[in-house]
N, C-alpha and C. Protein backbone atom coordinates (compact mmCIF):
# COMPACT_ATOMS: atom_id res chain seq x y z
N UNK A 1 43.91 28.07 -36.89
CA UNK A 1 45.11 27.29 -37.19
C UNK A 1 46.24 27.80 -36.29
N UNK A 2 46.52 27.11 -35.18
CA UNK A 2 47.49 27.60 -34.21
C UNK A 2 48.91 27.65 -34.73
N UNK A 3 49.23 26.92 -35.79
CA UNK A 3 50.59 26.89 -36.28
C UNK A 3 50.70 27.36 -37.73
N UNK A 4 49.92 28.38 -38.08
CA UNK A 4 50.11 29.04 -39.37
C UNK A 4 51.21 30.07 -39.23
N UNK A 5 51.77 30.53 -40.34
CA UNK A 5 52.79 31.58 -40.32
C UNK A 5 52.26 32.81 -39.61
N UNK A 6 51.03 33.20 -39.94
CA UNK A 6 50.43 34.39 -39.33
C UNK A 6 50.28 34.23 -37.83
N UNK A 7 49.76 33.08 -37.40
CA UNK A 7 49.51 32.87 -35.97
C UNK A 7 50.80 32.91 -35.17
N UNK A 8 51.85 32.32 -35.69
CA UNK A 8 53.12 32.28 -34.96
C UNK A 8 53.75 33.67 -34.87
N UNK A 9 53.89 34.35 -36.01
CA UNK A 9 54.57 35.64 -35.99
C UNK A 9 53.77 36.71 -35.27
N UNK A 10 52.47 36.76 -35.50
CA UNK A 10 51.66 37.79 -34.84
C UNK A 10 51.55 37.53 -33.35
N UNK A 11 51.78 36.28 -32.91
CA UNK A 11 51.72 35.95 -31.50
C UNK A 11 53.07 36.07 -30.80
N UNK A 12 54.06 36.60 -31.50
CA UNK A 12 55.38 36.79 -30.90
C UNK A 12 56.30 35.60 -31.01
N UNK A 13 55.91 34.60 -31.78
CA UNK A 13 56.74 33.42 -31.95
C UNK A 13 57.75 33.58 -33.07
N UNK A 14 58.45 32.48 -33.37
CA UNK A 14 59.48 32.53 -34.40
C UNK A 14 59.36 31.33 -35.33
N UNK A 15 59.84 31.52 -36.55
CA UNK A 15 59.93 30.46 -37.54
C UNK A 15 61.42 30.16 -37.74
N UNK A 16 61.79 28.88 -37.70
CA UNK A 16 63.18 28.50 -37.83
C UNK A 16 63.48 28.10 -39.28
N UNK A 17 64.50 28.76 -39.85
CA UNK A 17 64.89 28.51 -41.24
C UNK A 17 66.40 28.27 -41.30
N UNK A 18 66.87 27.87 -42.47
CA UNK A 18 68.31 27.72 -42.69
C UNK A 18 68.89 29.07 -43.11
N UNK A 19 69.91 29.50 -42.41
CA UNK A 19 70.56 30.78 -42.71
C UNK A 19 71.07 30.78 -44.14
N UNK A 20 70.90 31.90 -44.83
CA UNK A 20 71.36 32.02 -46.22
C UNK A 20 72.88 31.98 -46.32
N UNK A 21 73.58 32.29 -45.24
CA UNK A 21 75.05 32.35 -45.27
C UNK A 21 75.70 31.07 -44.78
N UNK A 22 75.28 30.57 -43.60
CA UNK A 22 75.98 29.42 -43.01
C UNK A 22 75.15 28.14 -42.99
N UNK A 23 73.88 28.21 -43.40
CA UNK A 23 72.97 27.06 -43.42
C UNK A 23 72.61 26.56 -42.04
N UNK A 24 73.02 27.28 -41.00
CA UNK A 24 72.64 26.92 -39.66
C UNK A 24 71.24 27.42 -39.34
N UNK A 25 70.72 27.09 -38.14
CA UNK A 25 69.37 27.52 -37.78
C UNK A 25 69.32 29.03 -37.51
N UNK A 26 68.37 29.70 -38.15
CA UNK A 26 68.15 31.13 -37.95
C UNK A 26 66.67 31.33 -37.67
N UNK A 27 66.33 32.42 -36.99
CA UNK A 27 64.93 32.65 -36.66
C UNK A 27 64.37 33.85 -37.37
N UNK A 28 63.10 33.74 -37.74
CA UNK A 28 62.35 34.85 -38.34
C UNK A 28 61.32 35.29 -37.32
N UNK A 29 61.30 36.59 -37.03
CA UNK A 29 60.35 37.14 -36.07
C UNK A 29 59.75 38.42 -36.63
N UNK A 30 58.56 38.76 -36.14
CA UNK A 30 57.93 40.04 -36.46
C UNK A 30 58.13 40.97 -35.28
N UNK A 31 58.68 42.16 -35.55
CA UNK A 31 58.92 43.16 -34.51
C UNK A 31 57.84 44.23 -34.62
N UNK A 32 56.83 44.19 -33.75
CA UNK A 32 55.70 45.12 -33.88
C UNK A 32 56.09 46.58 -33.70
N UNK A 33 57.08 46.86 -32.87
CA UNK A 33 57.47 48.25 -32.66
C UNK A 33 58.03 48.88 -33.94
N UNK A 34 58.84 48.09 -34.67
CA UNK A 34 59.40 48.57 -35.93
C UNK A 34 58.52 48.21 -37.14
N UNK A 35 57.53 47.35 -36.90
CA UNK A 35 56.68 46.82 -37.97
C UNK A 35 57.54 46.20 -39.07
N UNK A 36 58.47 45.35 -38.65
CA UNK A 36 59.38 44.69 -39.57
C UNK A 36 59.42 43.19 -39.30
N UNK A 37 59.64 42.44 -40.37
CA UNK A 37 59.93 41.01 -40.25
C UNK A 37 61.44 40.86 -40.42
N UNK A 38 62.10 40.27 -39.41
CA UNK A 38 63.56 40.20 -39.37
C UNK A 38 64.02 38.76 -39.30
N UNK A 39 65.08 38.45 -40.04
CA UNK A 39 65.73 37.14 -39.96
C UNK A 39 67.09 37.35 -39.30
N UNK A 40 67.37 36.56 -38.24
CA UNK A 40 68.63 36.65 -37.52
C UNK A 40 69.22 35.26 -37.34
N UNK A 41 70.52 35.15 -37.60
CA UNK A 41 71.23 33.90 -37.36
C UNK A 41 72.10 34.08 -36.12
N UNK A 42 71.87 33.26 -35.11
CA UNK A 42 72.65 33.36 -33.87
C UNK A 42 74.03 32.74 -34.02
N UNK A 43 74.26 32.00 -35.10
CA UNK A 43 75.55 31.34 -35.29
C UNK A 43 76.55 32.26 -35.99
N UNK A 44 76.19 32.76 -37.20
CA UNK A 44 77.12 33.62 -37.94
C UNK A 44 76.78 35.10 -37.80
N UNK A 45 75.68 35.40 -37.06
CA UNK A 45 75.25 36.77 -36.75
C UNK A 45 74.73 37.53 -37.98
N UNK A 46 74.45 36.78 -39.07
CA UNK A 46 73.85 37.44 -40.24
C UNK A 46 72.44 37.88 -39.91
N UNK A 47 72.07 39.06 -40.38
CA UNK A 47 70.72 39.60 -40.13
C UNK A 47 70.23 40.33 -41.36
N UNK A 48 68.96 40.20 -41.65
CA UNK A 48 68.37 40.94 -42.76
C UNK A 48 66.92 41.26 -42.44
N UNK A 49 66.42 42.33 -43.04
CA UNK A 49 65.05 42.80 -42.80
C UNK A 49 64.26 42.65 -44.09
N UNK A 50 63.07 42.12 -43.96
CA UNK A 50 62.19 41.99 -45.13
C UNK A 50 61.73 43.37 -45.59
N UNK A 51 61.90 43.63 -46.88
CA UNK A 51 61.45 44.89 -47.44
C UNK A 51 59.97 44.76 -47.83
N UNK A 52 59.10 45.55 -47.21
CA UNK A 52 57.66 45.44 -47.52
C UNK A 52 57.36 45.86 -48.94
N UNK A 53 56.30 45.31 -49.48
CA UNK A 53 55.86 45.67 -50.82
C UNK A 53 54.82 46.78 -50.73
N UNK A 54 54.81 47.62 -51.77
CA UNK A 54 53.88 48.75 -51.79
C UNK A 54 53.04 48.71 -53.06
N UNK A 55 51.84 49.26 -52.94
CA UNK A 55 50.97 49.45 -54.10
C UNK A 55 50.82 50.95 -54.33
N UNK A 56 50.82 51.36 -55.60
CA UNK A 56 50.73 52.78 -55.95
C UNK A 56 49.46 53.03 -56.74
N UNK A 57 48.86 54.19 -56.51
CA UNK A 57 47.63 54.53 -57.23
C UNK A 57 47.59 56.02 -57.52
N UNK A 58 46.76 56.38 -58.50
CA UNK A 58 46.53 57.78 -58.86
C UNK A 58 45.13 58.16 -58.39
N UNK A 59 45.02 59.20 -57.54
CA UNK A 59 43.74 59.57 -56.94
C UNK A 59 43.43 61.03 -57.22
N UNK A 60 42.17 61.29 -57.59
CA UNK A 60 41.75 62.67 -57.86
C UNK A 60 40.24 62.73 -58.03
N UNK A 61 39.70 63.94 -57.97
CA UNK A 61 38.32 64.21 -58.38
C UNK A 61 38.40 64.77 -59.79
N UNK A 62 37.76 64.13 -60.73
CA UNK A 62 37.86 64.52 -62.14
C UNK A 62 37.38 65.97 -62.34
N UNK A 63 38.15 66.73 -63.05
CA UNK A 63 37.81 68.14 -63.30
C UNK A 63 36.63 68.28 -64.27
N UNK A 64 36.31 67.22 -64.99
CA UNK A 64 35.21 67.30 -65.96
C UNK A 64 33.91 66.68 -65.41
N UNK A 65 33.94 65.42 -65.03
CA UNK A 65 32.71 64.76 -64.55
C UNK A 65 32.55 64.82 -63.04
N UNK A 66 33.59 65.32 -62.36
CA UNK A 66 33.57 65.52 -60.90
C UNK A 66 33.35 64.22 -60.13
N UNK A 67 33.79 63.13 -60.69
CA UNK A 67 33.70 61.85 -60.00
C UNK A 67 35.07 61.50 -59.41
N UNK A 68 35.06 60.90 -58.22
CA UNK A 68 36.29 60.51 -57.54
C UNK A 68 36.80 59.18 -58.10
N UNK A 69 38.12 59.10 -58.30
CA UNK A 69 38.71 57.82 -58.70
C UNK A 69 40.03 57.61 -57.97
N UNK A 70 40.37 56.37 -57.82
CA UNK A 70 41.63 55.97 -57.19
C UNK A 70 42.09 54.71 -57.92
N UNK A 71 42.88 54.90 -58.98
CA UNK A 71 43.22 53.82 -59.90
C UNK A 71 44.67 53.35 -59.71
N UNK A 72 44.91 52.04 -59.86
CA UNK A 72 46.28 51.52 -59.70
C UNK A 72 47.24 52.11 -60.72
N UNK A 73 48.46 52.36 -60.28
CA UNK A 73 49.55 52.79 -61.16
C UNK A 73 50.46 51.60 -61.43
N UNK A 74 50.87 51.45 -62.67
CA UNK A 74 51.75 50.34 -63.04
C UNK A 74 53.08 50.82 -63.62
N UNK A 75 53.16 52.08 -63.97
CA UNK A 75 54.39 52.64 -64.52
C UNK A 75 55.35 52.99 -63.38
N UNK A 76 56.43 52.24 -63.24
CA UNK A 76 57.35 52.44 -62.13
C UNK A 76 57.98 53.83 -62.13
N UNK A 77 58.09 54.44 -63.30
CA UNK A 77 58.68 55.77 -63.37
C UNK A 77 57.81 56.82 -62.69
N UNK A 78 56.54 56.50 -62.46
CA UNK A 78 55.62 57.43 -61.81
C UNK A 78 55.57 57.25 -60.30
N UNK A 79 56.13 56.16 -59.78
CA UNK A 79 55.99 55.84 -58.36
C UNK A 79 56.59 56.91 -57.45
N UNK A 80 57.68 57.53 -57.87
CA UNK A 80 58.35 58.50 -57.02
C UNK A 80 57.83 59.93 -57.17
N UNK A 81 56.82 60.13 -58.01
CA UNK A 81 56.29 61.47 -58.24
C UNK A 81 55.15 61.79 -57.28
N UNK A 82 54.93 63.06 -57.01
CA UNK A 82 53.83 63.48 -56.16
C UNK A 82 52.52 63.59 -56.94
N UNK A 83 52.62 64.03 -58.20
CA UNK A 83 51.44 64.17 -59.06
C UNK A 83 51.75 63.58 -60.43
N UNK A 84 50.74 62.98 -61.06
CA UNK A 84 50.90 62.44 -62.41
C UNK A 84 49.67 62.80 -63.23
N UNK A 85 49.84 62.84 -64.54
CA UNK A 85 48.69 63.02 -65.44
C UNK A 85 48.07 61.65 -65.67
N UNK A 86 46.76 61.55 -65.38
CA UNK A 86 46.11 60.25 -65.42
C UNK A 86 44.68 60.43 -65.95
N UNK A 87 44.24 59.54 -66.86
CA UNK A 87 42.89 59.68 -67.43
C UNK A 87 41.81 59.23 -66.45
N UNK A 88 40.73 59.97 -66.40
CA UNK A 88 39.58 59.58 -65.58
C UNK A 88 39.01 58.27 -66.13
N UNK A 89 38.78 57.27 -65.30
CA UNK A 89 38.26 55.99 -65.79
C UNK A 89 36.81 56.07 -66.27
N UNK A 90 36.11 57.19 -65.98
CA UNK A 90 34.71 57.33 -66.35
C UNK A 90 34.52 58.13 -67.65
N UNK A 91 35.22 59.28 -67.74
CA UNK A 91 35.03 60.13 -68.93
C UNK A 91 36.31 60.31 -69.74
N UNK A 92 37.41 59.73 -69.24
CA UNK A 92 38.70 59.71 -69.93
C UNK A 92 39.39 61.08 -70.02
N UNK A 93 38.90 62.05 -69.27
CA UNK A 93 39.59 63.34 -69.21
C UNK A 93 40.90 63.19 -68.45
N UNK A 94 41.95 63.81 -68.99
CA UNK A 94 43.25 63.74 -68.32
C UNK A 94 43.24 64.68 -67.12
N UNK A 95 43.59 64.13 -65.97
CA UNK A 95 43.62 64.90 -64.72
C UNK A 95 45.03 64.88 -64.13
N UNK A 96 45.30 65.86 -63.30
CA UNK A 96 46.53 65.86 -62.51
C UNK A 96 46.19 65.20 -61.18
N UNK A 97 46.62 63.95 -61.02
CA UNK A 97 46.21 63.14 -59.89
C UNK A 97 47.35 62.96 -58.88
N UNK A 98 46.96 62.80 -57.62
CA UNK A 98 47.92 62.56 -56.55
C UNK A 98 48.37 61.09 -56.58
N UNK A 99 49.68 60.88 -56.39
CA UNK A 99 50.21 59.52 -56.32
C UNK A 99 50.14 59.05 -54.87
N UNK A 100 49.46 57.93 -54.64
CA UNK A 100 49.32 57.40 -53.30
C UNK A 100 50.12 56.11 -53.18
N UNK A 101 50.79 55.96 -52.04
CA UNK A 101 51.62 54.79 -51.77
C UNK A 101 51.05 54.09 -50.54
N UNK A 102 50.77 52.81 -50.68
CA UNK A 102 50.19 52.06 -49.56
C UNK A 102 50.89 50.71 -49.42
N UNK A 103 51.30 50.41 -48.20
CA UNK A 103 51.93 49.12 -47.94
C UNK A 103 50.91 48.01 -48.09
N UNK A 104 51.31 46.95 -48.79
CA UNK A 104 50.37 45.84 -49.01
C UNK A 104 50.23 44.97 -47.78
N UNK A 105 51.16 45.09 -46.82
CA UNK A 105 51.02 44.37 -45.55
C UNK A 105 51.80 43.08 -45.51
N UNK A 106 52.15 42.65 -44.29
CA UNK A 106 52.92 41.43 -44.09
C UNK A 106 52.03 40.20 -44.08
N UNK A 107 50.73 40.37 -43.87
CA UNK A 107 49.90 39.21 -43.58
C UNK A 107 49.05 38.78 -44.76
N UNK A 108 49.38 39.24 -45.96
CA UNK A 108 48.62 38.80 -47.13
C UNK A 108 49.25 37.52 -47.68
N UNK A 109 48.54 36.43 -47.53
CA UNK A 109 48.97 35.13 -48.03
C UNK A 109 50.36 34.73 -47.55
N UNK A 110 50.65 34.81 -46.23
CA UNK A 110 51.98 34.41 -45.77
C UNK A 110 52.06 32.90 -45.60
N UNK A 111 52.13 32.17 -46.69
CA UNK A 111 52.11 30.71 -46.62
C UNK A 111 53.46 30.14 -47.04
N UNK A 112 53.76 28.96 -46.52
CA UNK A 112 54.97 28.25 -46.90
C UNK A 112 54.81 27.73 -48.33
N UNK A 113 55.82 27.97 -49.16
CA UNK A 113 55.75 27.50 -50.55
C UNK A 113 57.00 26.68 -50.85
N UNK A 114 56.79 25.42 -51.20
CA UNK A 114 57.87 24.49 -51.52
C UNK A 114 58.91 24.45 -50.39
N UNK A 115 58.42 24.46 -49.16
CA UNK A 115 59.29 24.33 -48.01
C UNK A 115 60.10 25.57 -47.68
N UNK A 116 59.70 26.72 -48.22
CA UNK A 116 60.42 27.97 -47.97
C UNK A 116 59.50 29.01 -47.35
N UNK A 117 60.09 29.88 -46.54
CA UNK A 117 59.27 30.90 -45.87
C UNK A 117 58.82 31.96 -46.87
N UNK A 118 57.72 32.67 -46.58
CA UNK A 118 57.15 33.61 -47.55
C UNK A 118 57.83 34.98 -47.59
N UNK A 119 58.79 35.25 -46.72
CA UNK A 119 59.39 36.58 -46.66
C UNK A 119 60.79 36.62 -47.27
N UNK A 120 61.63 35.66 -46.94
CA UNK A 120 63.00 35.66 -47.42
C UNK A 120 63.29 34.52 -48.39
N UNK A 121 62.31 33.61 -48.55
CA UNK A 121 62.50 32.49 -49.46
C UNK A 121 63.51 31.48 -48.97
N UNK A 122 63.71 31.40 -47.63
CA UNK A 122 64.69 30.48 -47.06
C UNK A 122 64.04 29.14 -46.72
N UNK A 123 64.80 28.08 -46.87
CA UNK A 123 64.30 26.73 -46.59
C UNK A 123 64.07 26.57 -45.09
N UNK A 124 62.97 25.94 -44.73
CA UNK A 124 62.70 25.67 -43.33
C UNK A 124 63.77 24.75 -42.75
N UNK A 125 64.15 24.98 -41.51
CA UNK A 125 65.18 24.18 -40.87
C UNK A 125 64.69 22.77 -40.57
N UNK A 126 63.43 22.68 -40.14
CA UNK A 126 62.84 21.38 -39.84
C UNK A 126 62.06 20.90 -41.06
N UNK A 127 62.76 20.33 -42.01
CA UNK A 127 62.10 19.86 -43.23
C UNK A 127 62.83 18.63 -43.76
N UNK A 128 62.02 17.67 -44.25
CA UNK A 128 62.56 16.46 -44.86
C UNK A 128 61.49 15.93 -45.81
N UNK A 129 61.76 14.79 -46.40
CA UNK A 129 60.79 14.18 -47.32
C UNK A 129 60.48 12.74 -46.89
N UNK A 130 59.24 12.35 -47.09
CA UNK A 130 58.82 10.98 -46.83
C UNK A 130 58.14 10.46 -48.09
N UNK A 131 58.78 9.49 -48.73
CA UNK A 131 58.27 8.92 -49.98
C UNK A 131 57.97 10.01 -51.00
N UNK A 132 58.89 10.94 -51.10
CA UNK A 132 58.78 12.01 -52.09
C UNK A 132 57.88 13.16 -51.71
N UNK A 133 57.26 13.10 -50.52
CA UNK A 133 56.36 14.15 -50.07
C UNK A 133 57.03 14.97 -48.96
N UNK A 134 56.91 16.31 -49.01
CA UNK A 134 57.56 17.15 -47.99
C UNK A 134 56.89 17.02 -46.63
N UNK A 135 57.71 16.96 -45.60
CA UNK A 135 57.25 16.97 -44.21
C UNK A 135 58.05 18.05 -43.50
N UNK A 136 57.35 19.03 -42.92
CA UNK A 136 58.07 20.15 -42.31
C UNK A 136 57.33 20.70 -41.09
N UNK A 137 58.08 21.44 -40.28
CA UNK A 137 57.53 22.13 -39.12
C UNK A 137 58.11 23.53 -39.08
N UNK A 138 57.32 24.48 -38.58
CA UNK A 138 57.74 25.88 -38.57
C UNK A 138 58.73 26.18 -37.44
N UNK A 139 58.62 25.46 -36.34
CA UNK A 139 59.54 25.64 -35.23
C UNK A 139 59.48 24.38 -34.36
N UNK A 140 60.23 24.38 -33.25
CA UNK A 140 60.29 23.18 -32.42
C UNK A 140 58.94 22.86 -31.76
N UNK A 141 58.19 23.90 -31.38
CA UNK A 141 56.87 23.67 -30.78
C UNK A 141 55.92 23.03 -31.79
N UNK A 142 55.97 23.52 -33.03
CA UNK A 142 55.14 22.95 -34.09
C UNK A 142 55.52 21.49 -34.33
N UNK A 143 56.82 21.21 -34.29
CA UNK A 143 57.30 19.85 -34.48
C UNK A 143 56.76 18.91 -33.40
N UNK A 144 56.79 19.36 -32.15
CA UNK A 144 56.27 18.55 -31.05
C UNK A 144 54.77 18.32 -31.20
N UNK A 145 54.08 19.36 -31.66
CA UNK A 145 52.63 19.25 -31.89
C UNK A 145 52.33 18.18 -32.94
N UNK A 146 53.08 18.20 -34.05
CA UNK A 146 52.86 17.22 -35.11
C UNK A 146 53.13 15.81 -34.60
N UNK A 147 54.17 15.64 -33.82
CA UNK A 147 54.46 14.32 -33.25
C UNK A 147 53.32 13.83 -32.37
N UNK A 148 52.82 14.68 -31.50
CA UNK A 148 51.73 14.30 -30.62
C UNK A 148 50.47 13.96 -31.42
N UNK A 149 50.21 14.75 -32.44
CA UNK A 149 48.99 14.57 -33.23
C UNK A 149 49.03 13.28 -34.05
N UNK A 150 50.14 13.07 -34.77
CA UNK A 150 50.21 11.94 -35.69
C UNK A 150 50.40 10.61 -34.96
N UNK A 151 51.12 10.64 -33.84
CA UNK A 151 51.37 9.39 -33.12
C UNK A 151 50.27 9.04 -32.13
N UNK A 152 49.31 9.95 -31.95
CA UNK A 152 48.23 9.68 -30.99
C UNK A 152 47.35 8.53 -31.47
N UNK A 153 46.79 7.79 -30.51
CA UNK A 153 45.83 6.73 -30.83
C UNK A 153 44.47 7.40 -30.98
N UNK A 154 44.12 7.77 -32.22
CA UNK A 154 42.91 8.56 -32.45
C UNK A 154 41.67 7.66 -32.50
N UNK A 155 41.16 7.34 -31.36
CA UNK A 155 39.94 6.53 -31.32
C UNK A 155 38.72 7.43 -31.49
N UNK A 156 37.83 7.03 -32.33
CA UNK A 156 36.69 7.85 -32.74
C UNK A 156 35.90 8.40 -31.57
N UNK A 157 35.74 7.60 -30.50
CA UNK A 157 34.85 8.02 -29.42
C UNK A 157 35.59 8.56 -28.20
N UNK A 158 36.90 8.65 -28.26
CA UNK A 158 37.64 9.09 -27.08
C UNK A 158 37.59 10.60 -26.93
N UNK A 159 37.64 11.07 -25.69
CA UNK A 159 37.66 12.50 -25.42
C UNK A 159 38.92 13.12 -26.00
N UNK A 160 40.05 12.38 -25.92
CA UNK A 160 41.31 12.90 -26.44
C UNK A 160 41.20 13.17 -27.94
N UNK A 161 40.51 12.29 -28.65
CA UNK A 161 40.35 12.50 -30.09
C UNK A 161 39.61 13.79 -30.37
N UNK A 162 38.58 14.07 -29.58
CA UNK A 162 37.81 15.29 -29.80
C UNK A 162 38.66 16.53 -29.57
N UNK A 163 39.50 16.49 -28.52
CA UNK A 163 40.37 17.64 -28.24
C UNK A 163 41.38 17.83 -29.36
N UNK A 164 42.04 16.75 -29.75
CA UNK A 164 43.06 16.83 -30.79
C UNK A 164 42.45 17.30 -32.11
N UNK A 165 41.30 16.77 -32.46
CA UNK A 165 40.69 17.13 -33.72
C UNK A 165 40.32 18.60 -33.75
N UNK A 166 39.83 19.11 -32.61
CA UNK A 166 39.45 20.52 -32.55
C UNK A 166 40.67 21.41 -32.64
N UNK A 167 41.77 21.03 -32.01
CA UNK A 167 42.95 21.88 -31.96
C UNK A 167 43.79 21.80 -33.21
N UNK A 168 43.61 20.77 -34.02
CA UNK A 168 44.51 20.55 -35.14
C UNK A 168 44.28 21.55 -36.27
N UNK A 169 45.31 21.72 -37.09
CA UNK A 169 45.20 22.52 -38.29
C UNK A 169 45.29 21.58 -39.48
N UNK A 170 44.84 22.00 -40.65
CA UNK A 170 44.81 21.09 -41.78
C UNK A 170 46.19 20.50 -42.10
N UNK A 171 46.24 19.20 -42.22
CA UNK A 171 47.47 18.51 -42.59
C UNK A 171 47.24 17.79 -43.91
N UNK A 172 48.30 17.62 -44.72
CA UNK A 172 48.14 16.85 -45.96
C UNK A 172 47.65 15.44 -45.65
N UNK A 173 46.87 14.91 -46.55
CA UNK A 173 46.25 13.60 -46.33
C UNK A 173 47.28 12.52 -46.08
N UNK A 174 48.42 12.56 -46.80
CA UNK A 174 49.41 11.50 -46.67
C UNK A 174 50.03 11.48 -45.28
N UNK A 175 50.01 12.60 -44.54
CA UNK A 175 50.57 12.62 -43.20
C UNK A 175 49.64 11.98 -42.18
N UNK A 176 48.35 11.86 -42.53
CA UNK A 176 47.38 11.31 -41.59
C UNK A 176 46.98 9.88 -41.91
N UNK A 177 47.42 9.35 -43.06
CA UNK A 177 47.06 7.99 -43.43
C UNK A 177 47.77 6.98 -42.53
N UNK A 178 47.04 5.97 -42.12
CA UNK A 178 47.57 4.97 -41.18
C UNK A 178 48.82 4.29 -41.72
N UNK A 179 48.87 4.05 -43.02
CA UNK A 179 50.02 3.34 -43.60
C UNK A 179 51.29 4.17 -43.54
N UNK A 180 51.18 5.49 -43.44
CA UNK A 180 52.35 6.35 -43.40
C UNK A 180 52.72 6.82 -42.00
N UNK A 181 51.84 6.58 -41.05
CA UNK A 181 52.00 7.21 -39.74
C UNK A 181 53.32 6.86 -39.06
N UNK A 182 53.66 5.57 -39.02
CA UNK A 182 54.88 5.16 -38.33
C UNK A 182 56.12 5.78 -38.97
N UNK A 183 56.16 5.78 -40.31
CA UNK A 183 57.31 6.35 -41.02
C UNK A 183 57.45 7.84 -40.79
N UNK A 184 56.34 8.55 -40.78
CA UNK A 184 56.39 9.99 -40.58
C UNK A 184 56.76 10.33 -39.14
N UNK A 185 56.29 9.54 -38.19
CA UNK A 185 56.66 9.75 -36.79
C UNK A 185 58.17 9.57 -36.62
N UNK A 186 58.75 8.56 -37.26
CA UNK A 186 60.21 8.35 -37.18
C UNK A 186 60.94 9.54 -37.79
N UNK A 187 60.42 10.05 -38.89
CA UNK A 187 61.04 11.20 -39.54
C UNK A 187 60.98 12.45 -38.66
N UNK A 188 59.84 12.67 -38.03
CA UNK A 188 59.69 13.83 -37.14
C UNK A 188 60.62 13.71 -35.94
N UNK A 189 60.78 12.51 -35.41
CA UNK A 189 61.69 12.32 -34.27
C UNK A 189 63.14 12.56 -34.69
N UNK A 190 63.46 12.19 -35.92
CA UNK A 190 64.79 12.48 -36.45
C UNK A 190 65.01 14.00 -36.51
N UNK A 191 63.98 14.73 -36.94
CA UNK A 191 64.07 16.19 -36.99
C UNK A 191 64.26 16.76 -35.59
N UNK A 192 63.63 16.15 -34.61
CA UNK A 192 63.72 16.64 -33.24
C UNK A 192 65.14 16.62 -32.71
N UNK A 193 65.97 15.75 -33.25
CA UNK A 193 67.35 15.64 -32.80
C UNK A 193 68.25 16.71 -33.39
N UNK A 194 67.73 17.49 -34.36
CA UNK A 194 68.52 18.58 -34.92
C UNK A 194 68.63 19.70 -33.89
N UNK A 195 69.79 20.32 -33.85
CA UNK A 195 69.97 21.43 -32.92
C UNK A 195 69.35 22.68 -33.53
N UNK A 196 68.78 23.51 -32.68
CA UNK A 196 68.29 24.82 -33.12
C UNK A 196 68.62 25.84 -32.06
N UNK A 197 68.70 27.08 -32.47
CA UNK A 197 69.01 28.16 -31.55
C UNK A 197 67.83 29.08 -31.43
N UNK A 198 67.47 29.45 -30.23
CA UNK A 198 66.38 30.40 -30.01
C UNK A 198 66.89 31.80 -30.28
N UNK A 199 66.00 32.76 -30.28
CA UNK A 199 66.36 34.14 -30.54
C UNK A 199 67.28 34.69 -29.46
N UNK A 200 67.33 34.06 -28.30
CA UNK A 200 68.20 34.52 -27.23
C UNK A 200 69.61 33.98 -27.38
N UNK A 201 69.80 33.08 -28.38
CA UNK A 201 71.11 32.53 -28.62
C UNK A 201 71.39 31.25 -27.87
N UNK A 202 70.42 30.76 -27.09
CA UNK A 202 70.59 29.53 -26.33
C UNK A 202 70.27 28.34 -27.20
N UNK A 203 70.99 27.27 -27.00
CA UNK A 203 70.79 26.07 -27.80
C UNK A 203 69.49 25.41 -27.39
N UNK A 204 68.70 24.98 -28.42
CA UNK A 204 67.45 24.34 -28.14
C UNK A 204 67.46 22.87 -28.43
């Protein structure tokens, strides 16, 4: 899927959203050197960093049955401790276990939900509705791709159809239905006329 959230961010691309402060176009990028997902608005200069989520566990070799365990911790008061008393899941002996902290990662289920990005919960900049159904694009390149795909004359036996079908990513059924195609193409072209700013601050 060339235009999934993961594919775009891991490939050095950006997702365009509405800034939480000025509602103008802002970009979300993944910075591999810092291992951070950052949102920056080139208009009002607002910037924020996604705080990664962590999972905590209690790990030890049981002093009684000598079996290794690494069990999830759910008590937030224990998260900041180095050692906690924790029952062995096999023999229930209370052990002094090491508290382990592990980042859950940026790439677990990074999907768009209700037209909002998965990191900051901001509305996508290129988003509208067609007959009550959401139509959106992650960035200007994705928008152009959708226009080319939906407006193409997809003839079953044409070479172009084979290329497009292979390159495409799953789209909702209503976006591909012939009765909706003209209306959705008009909507996508309307989105294309919206101004956006790249990460370099240049108008797109």
